Amino acid sequence: MGPVELLIIAAVILVLFGASKLPQLGKGLGRGIKEFKEETREVSHPGPDAQPLNPELRTGTQREVVDVVSTELPRDGRSVVTTEVRERQG
């Protein structure tokens, strides 16, 4: 975006909101950006409370997934997941 486009956008904002509302809009925008950055930082860098999942605390579904992934492929070449599903169905 060039300087002309930025001036047009600034003029439209000034007309829509008026000069008295601009400081409030800027303050709200700054707070929103700050909060967004804090949240994305927390997601990308978990705090000291985040710990790896203890194998003893895994749910039944998690255990099944780990068991299925850790087993070897059957000799006939079928996938493990297909074999597990067929065995459970019948």
C-alpha atoms as a PDB file:
ATOM      1  CA  MET A   1       0.000   0.000   0.000  1.00  0.00           C
ATOM      2  CA  GLY A   2       1.309   3.384  -0.941  1.00  0.00           C
ATOM      3  CA  PRO A   3       1.143   6.661   0.969  1.00  0.00           C
ATOM      4  CA  VAL A   4      -1.847   7.902  -1.058  1.00  0.00           C
ATOM      5  CA  GLU A   5      -3.926   4.874  -0.092  1.00  0.00           C
ATOM      6  CA  LEU A   6      -2.973   5.283   3.566  1.00  0.00           C
ATOM      7  CA  LEU A   7      -4.049   8.954   3.499  1.00  0.00           C
ATOM      8  CA  ILE A   8      -7.386   8.014   1.938  1.00  0.00           C
ATOM      9  CA  ILE A   9      -7.977   5.330   4.578  1.00  0.00           C
ATOM     10  CA  ALA A  10      -7.034   7.777   7.357  1.00  0.00           C
ATOM     11  CA  ALA A  11      -9.442  10.382   5.949  1.00  0.00           C
ATOM     12  CA  VAL A  12     -12.292   7.868   5.766  1.00  0.00           C
ATOM     13  CA  ILE A  13     -11.654   6.780   9.361  1.00  0.00           C
ATOM     14  CA  LEU A  14     -11.580  10.402  10.501  1.00  0.00           C
ATOM     15  CA  VAL A  15     -14.887  11.126   8.767  1.00  0.00           C
ATOM     16  CA  LEU A  16     -16.572   7.972  10.084  1.00  0.00           C
ATOM     17  CA  PHE A  17     -15.468   8.162  13.704  1.00  0.00           C
ATOM     18  CA  GLY A  18     -14.589  11.813  14.247  1.00  0.00           C
ATOM     19  CA  ALA A  19     -11.469  13.252  15.839  1.00  0.00           C
ATOM     20  CA  SER A  20     -12.681  12.655  19.407  1.00  0.00           C
ATOM     21  CA  LYS A  21     -13.004   8.877  18.927  1.00  0.00           C
ATOM     22  CA  LEU A  22      -9.593   8.295  17.310  1.00  0.00           C
ATOM     23  CA  PRO A  23      -7.612   8.033  20.592  1.00  0.00           C
ATOM     24  CA  GLN A  24     -10.086   5.454  21.909  1.00  0.00           C
ATOM     25  CA  LEU A  25      -9.874   3.466  18.681  1.00  0.00           C
ATOM     26  CA  GLY A  26      -6.076   3.511  18.757  1.00  0.00           C
ATOM     27  CA  LYS A  27      -6.019   2.454  22.398  1.00  0.00           C
ATOM     28  CA  GLY A  28      -8.413  -0.423  21.749  1.00  0.00           C
ATOM     29  CA  LEU A  29      -6.468  -1.528  18.700  1.00  0.00           C
ATOM     30  CA  GLY A  30      -3.198  -1.466  20.656  1.00  0.00           C
ATOM     31  CA  ARG A  31      -4.693  -3.546  23.467  1.00  0.00           C
ATOM     32  CA  GLY A  32      -6.056  -6.054  20.976  1.00  0.00           C
ATOM     33  CA  ILE A  33      -2.699  -6.449  19.253  1.00  0.00           C
ATOM     34  CA  LYS A  34      -0.917  -6.824  22.601  1.00  0.00           C
ATOM     35  CA  GLU A  35      -3.378  -9.480  23.786  1.00  0.00           C
ATOM     36  CA  PHE A  36      -3.096 -11.346  20.482  1.00  0.00           C
ATOM     37  CA  LYS A  37       0.700 -11.420  20.716  1.00  0.00           C
ATOM     38  CA  GLU A  38       0.571 -12.670  24.327  1.00  0.00           C
ATOM     39  CA  GLU A  39      -1.831 -15.466  23.431  1.00  0.00           C
ATOM     40  CA  THR A  40       0.195 -16.600  20.432  1.00  0.00           C
ATOM     41  CA  ARG A  41       3.347 -16.564  22.555  1.00  0.00           C
ATOM     42  CA  GLU A  42       1.652 -18.790  25.168  1.00  0.00           C
ATOM     43  CA  VAL A  43       0.559 -21.268  22.508  1.00  0.00           C
ATOM     44  CA  SER A  44       3.962 -21.499  20.846  1.00  0.00           C
ATOM     45  CA  HIS A  45       5.921 -21.650  24.127  1.00  0.00           C
ATOM     46  CA  PRO A  46       4.035 -23.592  26.811  1.00  0.00           C
ATOM     47  CA  GLY A  47       4.782 -22.522  30.339  1.00  0.00           C
ATOM     48  CA  PRO A  48       6.586 -24.454  33.052  1.00  0.00           C
ATOM     49  CA  ASP A  49       3.323 -26.123  34.074  1.00  0.00           C
ATOM     50  CA  ALA A  50       3.134 -28.022  30.780  1.00  0.00           C
ATOM     51  CA  GLN A  51       4.481 -31.536  31.203  1.00  0.00           C
ATOM     52  CA  PRO A  52       4.628 -34.506  28.868  1.00  0.00           C
ATOM     53  CA  LEU A  53       1.766 -36.940  29.192  1.00  0.00           C
ATOM     54  CA  ASN A  54       2.447 -39.571  31.830  1.00  0.00           C
ATOM     55  CA  PRO A  55       1.841 -43.058  30.354  1.00  0.00           C
ATOM     56  CA  GLU A  56      -0.054 -44.066  33.496  1.00  0.00           C
ATOM     57  CA  LEU A  57      -2.526 -41.208  33.004  1.00  0.00           C
ATOM     58  CA  ARG A  58      -3.378 -41.954  29.383  1.00  0.00           C
ATOM     59  CA  THR A  59      -6.984 -42.642  28.550  1.00  0.00           C
ATOM     60  CA  GLY A  60      -8.063 -45.910  27.034  1.00  0.00           C
ATOM     61  CA  THR A  61      -8.287 -44.386  23.566  1.00  0.00           C
ATOM     62  CA  GLN A  62      -4.783 -42.961  23.822  1.00  0.00           C
ATOM     63  CA  ARG A  63      -3.467 -46.370  24.903  1.00  0.00           C
ATOM     64  CA  GLU A  64      -5.181 -48.030  21.950  1.00  0.00           C
ATOM     65  CA  VAL A  65      -3.689 -45.535  19.501  1.00  0.00           C
ATOM     66  CA  VAL A  66      -0.210 -46.052  20.933  1.00  0.00           C
ATOM     67  CA  ASP A  67      -0.675 -49.829  20.815  1.00  0.00           C
ATOM     68  CA  VAL A  68      -1.868 -49.761  17.203  1.00  0.00           C
ATOM     69  CA  VAL A  69       0.938 -47.469  16.071  1.00  0.00           C
ATOM     70  CA  SER A  70       3.617 -49.435  17.908  1.00  0.00           C
ATOM     71  CA  THR A  71       2.673 -52.850  16.496  1.00  0.00           C
ATOM     72  CA  GLU A  72       4.214 -54.231  13.330  1.00  0.00           C
ATOM     73  CA  LEU A  73       2.396 -54.586  10.042  1.00  0.00           C
ATOM     74  CA  PRO A  74       0.708 -57.930   9.462  1.00  0.00           C
ATOM     75  CA  ARG A  75       2.512 -60.319   7.123  1.00  0.00           C
ATOM     76  CA  ASP A  76      -0.178 -60.120   4.450  1.00  0.00           C
ATOM     77  CA  GLY A  77       0.561 -56.402   3.893  1.00  0.00           C
ATOM     78  CA  ARG A  78      -2.709 -55.006   5.233  1.00  0.00           C
ATOM     79  CA  SER A  79      -2.475 -51.923   7.391  1.00  0.00           C
ATOM     80  CA  VAL A  80      -2.576 -52.301  11.142  1.00  0.00           C
ATOM     81  CA  VAL A  81      -5.551 -49.974  11.472  1.00  0.00           C
ATOM     82  CA  THR A  82      -7.590 -51.970   8.956  1.00  0.00           C
ATOM     83  CA  THR A  83      -6.707 -55.188  10.779  1.00  0.00           C
ATOM     84  CA  GLU A  84      -7.666 -53.724  14.168  1.00  0.00           C
ATOM     85  CA  VAL A  85     -11.002 -52.418  12.859  1.00  0.00           C
ATOM     86  CA  ARG A  86     -11.888 -55.731  11.224  1.00  0.00           C
ATOM     87  CA  GLU A  87     -10.979 -57.680  14.358  1.00  0.00           C
ATOM     88  CA  ARG A  88     -13.188 -55.457  16.512  1.00  0.00           C
ATOM     89  CA  GLN A  89     -16.117 -55.619  14.105  1.00  0.00           C
ATOM     90  CA  GLY A  90     -16.328 -59.248  13.872  1.00  0.00           C
END
